[in-house]
Amino acid sequence: MSTQLTEWLEVASRILLRCWIFGFLVLLFWFGVFMLAEDLVCRVHGAMFGLTPHELKVIHYCGMGLLKLAVGCFFLFPWLAIRMVLSKAR
């Protein structure tokens, strides 16, 4: 493997790791806000869209699950694959 490719993979690896961390922090922030201010969120969004608290909870938890899946698929798994390739090349 050429040094230029190795350097490019190292940079891509660092970027993917930072994106994964940022995505996970967004997920934790969303979960924290929803847990700490659930009533406020339900009042504001329920009044805006005419949804019941149960419907809002389902939408939020499905959104959190989708974000978690997307962050894992688009950032964590590629990072792991790149790290495996780089460790095998050494």
Protein backbone atom coordinates (compact mmCIF):
# COMPACT_ATOMS: atom_id res chain seq x y z
CA MET A 1 0.00 0.00 0.00
CA SER A 2 1.41 3.39 -0.98
CA THR A 3 2.17 6.01 1.63
CA GLN A 4 -0.21 8.45 -0.03
CA LEU A 5 -3.09 5.97 0.27
CA THR A 6 -2.14 5.22 3.86
CA GLU A 7 -2.14 8.92 4.73
CA TRP A 8 -5.50 9.40 3.01
CA LEU A 9 -6.98 6.48 4.95
CA GLU A 10 -5.59 7.87 8.20
CA VAL A 11 -7.27 11.23 7.53
CA ALA A 12 -10.54 9.55 6.53
CA SER A 13 -10.36 7.44 9.68
CA ARG A 14 -9.96 10.50 11.91
CA ILE A 15 -12.83 12.28 10.16
CA LEU A 16 -15.16 9.29 10.49
CA LEU A 17 -14.32 8.90 14.16
CA ARG A 18 -15.08 12.58 14.84
CA CYS A 19 -18.35 12.32 12.91
CA TRP A 20 -19.33 9.25 14.92
CA ILE A 21 -18.57 11.04 18.20
CA PHE A 22 -20.52 14.13 17.10
CA GLY A 23 -23.49 12.02 15.99
CA PHE A 24 -23.51 10.13 19.26
CA LEU A 25 -23.35 13.41 21.22
CA VAL A 26 -26.33 14.72 19.24
CA LEU A 27 -28.18 11.51 20.08
CA LEU A 28 -27.35 11.85 23.78
CA PHE A 29 -28.41 15.51 23.76
CA TRP A 30 -31.73 14.63 22.08
CA PHE A 31 -32.35 11.85 24.58
CA GLY A 32 -31.44 14.10 27.52
CA VAL A 33 -33.69 16.93 26.40
CA PHE A 34 -36.54 14.54 25.76
CA MET A 35 -36.12 12.89 29.18
CA LEU A 36 -35.69 16.11 31.15
CA ALA A 37 -38.25 18.28 29.35
CA GLU A 38 -40.71 15.70 28.06
CA ASP A 39 -43.76 17.71 29.12
CA LEU A 40 -42.52 20.86 27.41
CA VAL A 41 -41.68 18.97 24.23
CA CYS A 42 -45.11 17.30 24.21
CA ARG A 43 -46.92 20.59 24.80
CA VAL A 44 -45.05 22.49 22.09
CA HIS A 45 -45.03 19.80 19.42
CA GLY A 46 -48.44 18.41 20.35
CA ALA A 47 -50.01 21.84 19.93
CA MET A 48 -48.14 22.46 16.66
CA PHE A 49 -49.04 19.20 14.97
CA GLY A 50 -52.09 17.99 16.89
CA LEU A 51 -50.40 14.83 18.18
CA THR A 52 -51.00 12.93 21.40
CA PRO A 53 -48.14 12.45 23.88
CA HIS A 54 -47.97 8.76 22.93
CA GLU A 55 -47.60 9.58 19.24
CA LEU A 56 -44.86 12.11 20.02
CA LYS A 57 -42.96 9.58 22.13
CA VAL A 58 -43.14 7.01 19.35
CA ILE A 59 -41.92 9.54 16.79
CA HIS A 60 -39.04 10.67 19.00
CA TYR A 61 -37.88 7.16 19.92
CA CYS A 62 -38.10 6.02 16.29
CA GLY A 63 -36.10 9.09 15.28
CA MET A 64 -33.47 8.33 17.91
CA GLY A 65 -33.27 4.75 16.71
CA LEU A 66 -32.93 5.86 13.10
CA LEU A 67 -30.18 8.35 14.02
CA LYS A 68 -28.34 5.66 15.99
CA LEU A 69 -28.57 3.26 13.07
CA ALA A 70 -27.43 5.90 10.56
CA VAL A 71 -24.50 7.04 12.70
CA GLY A 72 -23.37 3.45 13.12
CA CYS A 73 -23.75 2.52 9.46
CA PHE A 74 -22.28 5.66 7.94
CA PHE A 75 -19.51 6.46 10.44
CA LEU A 76 -18.69 3.66 12.89
CA PHE A 77 -18.59 0.67 10.52
CA PRO A 78 -16.53 2.45 7.84
CA TRP A 79 -14.13 3.65 10.54
CA LEU A 80 -13.73 0.09 11.80
CA ALA A 81 -13.16 -1.19 8.26
CA ILE A 82 -10.50 1.44 7.56
CA ARG A 83 -8.75 0.72 10.86
CA MET A 84 -8.72 -2.99 10.02
CA VAL A 85 -7.20 -2.30 6.58
CA LEU A 86 -4.58 -0.01 8.07
CA SER A 87 -3.63 -2.49 10.79
CA LYS A 88 -3.31 -5.28 8.22
CA ALA A 89 -1.11 -3.10 5.99
CA ARG A 90 1.43 -2.55 8.77
